[in-house]
Amino acid sequence: MTLGANRAHPVRATLEAIAYQTKELTDAMQTDSGAGVPCAPCYRHLENTSEVEQFWRAENVFEPQMEGARREELFAGWKRAVARA
């Protein structure tokens, strides 16, 4: 943190850390299983099977808006920062 940081900076850092940790976890799961990992909402716990079924029938598809190279660059920077910590 620097003197120029405001209240939003720790919040964004937390959300980015959650996203990067989720990516590391899904990458490890794919490596270990040799299969793709289906996406699931990570922001809350699904309460029952009907919610799970509803999720899988959802018509909304969310696509990344960031270029893949930029995404990998940011992820590599995060991994370097974690290694230094």
Protein backbone atom coordinates (compact mmCIF):
# COMPACT_ATOMS: atom_id res chain seq x y z
CA MET A 1 0.00 0.00 0.00
CA THR A 2 1.10 3.52 -0.69
CA LEU A 3 -0.04 6.91 0.53
CA GLY A 4 -2.02 7.26 -2.69
CA ALA A 5 -4.23 4.26 -1.87
CA ASN A 6 -7.86 4.84 -1.05
CA ARG A 7 -10.61 2.63 0.39
CA ALA A 8 -11.27 0.94 -2.95
CA HIS A 9 -7.73 -0.37 -3.36
CA PRO A 10 -7.86 -3.09 -0.66
CA VAL A 11 -11.28 -4.16 -1.92
CA ARG A 12 -10.05 -4.53 -5.48
CA ALA A 13 -6.90 -6.32 -4.29
CA THR A 14 -9.06 -8.78 -2.36
CA LEU A 15 -11.31 -9.47 -5.35
CA GLU A 16 -8.31 -9.93 -7.63
CA ALA A 17 -6.70 -12.31 -5.13
CA ILE A 18 -9.89 -14.39 -5.03
CA ALA A 19 -9.97 -14.52 -8.83
CA TYR A 20 -6.28 -15.48 -9.11
CA GLN A 21 -6.58 -18.13 -6.40
CA THR A 22 -9.64 -19.56 -8.15
CA LYS A 23 -7.67 -19.69 -11.41
CA GLU A 24 -4.79 -21.50 -9.70
CA LEU A 25 -7.22 -23.99 -8.18
CA THR A 26 -9.05 -24.72 -11.43
CA ASP A 27 -5.74 -25.00 -13.30
CA ALA A 28 -4.54 -27.56 -10.72
CA MET A 29 -7.83 -29.46 -10.96
CA GLN A 30 -7.54 -29.61 -14.75
CA THR A 31 -3.92 -30.76 -14.54
CA ASP A 32 -4.71 -33.46 -11.97
CA SER A 33 -7.87 -34.74 -13.64
CA GLY A 34 -6.91 -34.27 -17.27
CA ALA A 35 -10.42 -32.95 -17.87
CA GLY A 36 -11.99 -29.54 -18.11
CA VAL A 37 -13.46 -27.97 -15.00
CA PRO A 38 -17.02 -26.67 -15.37
CA CYS A 39 -17.58 -23.11 -14.25
CA ALA A 40 -19.64 -22.45 -11.16
CA PRO A 41 -20.56 -19.33 -9.23
CA CYS A 42 -17.88 -18.77 -6.61
CA TYR A 43 -19.52 -15.82 -4.92
CA ARG A 44 -21.99 -17.80 -2.85
CA HIS A 45 -22.93 -21.29 -1.74
CA LEU A 46 -25.65 -23.05 -3.72
CA GLU A 47 -28.27 -24.02 -1.18
CA ASN A 48 -29.92 -27.07 -2.72
CA THR A 49 -30.06 -29.29 -5.78
CA SER A 50 -32.75 -27.22 -7.48
CA GLU A 51 -30.40 -24.22 -7.44
CA VAL A 52 -27.66 -26.38 -8.93
CA GLU A 53 -30.00 -27.62 -11.66
CA GLN A 54 -31.14 -24.06 -12.36
CA PHE A 55 -27.51 -22.95 -12.63
CA TRP A 56 -26.70 -25.59 -15.24
CA ARG A 57 -29.76 -24.60 -17.29
CA ALA A 58 -28.86 -20.91 -17.19
CA GLU A 59 -28.92 -19.24 -20.57
CA ASN A 60 -26.43 -16.52 -19.68
CA VAL A 61 -22.90 -17.09 -20.85
CA PHE A 62 -20.18 -14.81 -19.55
CA GLU A 63 -17.17 -14.31 -21.77
CA PRO A 64 -13.89 -12.68 -20.72
CA GLN A 65 -13.61 -9.07 -21.87
CA MET A 66 -9.84 -8.87 -21.36
CA GLU A 67 -7.39 -10.08 -23.99
CA GLY A 68 -5.84 -13.43 -23.08
CA ALA A 69 -2.26 -12.09 -23.25
CA ARG A 70 -3.11 -9.26 -20.85
CA ARG A 71 -4.87 -11.66 -18.50
CA GLU A 72 -1.82 -13.95 -18.43
CA GLU A 73 0.49 -10.96 -17.90
CA LEU A 74 -1.52 -9.83 -14.86
CA PHE A 75 -1.66 -13.38 -13.48
CA ALA A 76 2.12 -13.75 -13.86
CA GLY A 77 2.59 -10.45 -12.00
CA TRP A 78 0.37 -11.66 -9.19
CA LYS A 79 2.35 -14.92 -8.93
CA ARG A 80 5.62 -12.93 -8.72
CA ALA A 81 4.15 -10.76 -5.94
CA VAL A 82 3.00 -13.84 -4.01
CA ALA A 83 6.48 -15.39 -4.34
CA ARG A 84 8.01 -12.20 -2.87
CA ALA A 85 5.59 -12.12 0.07
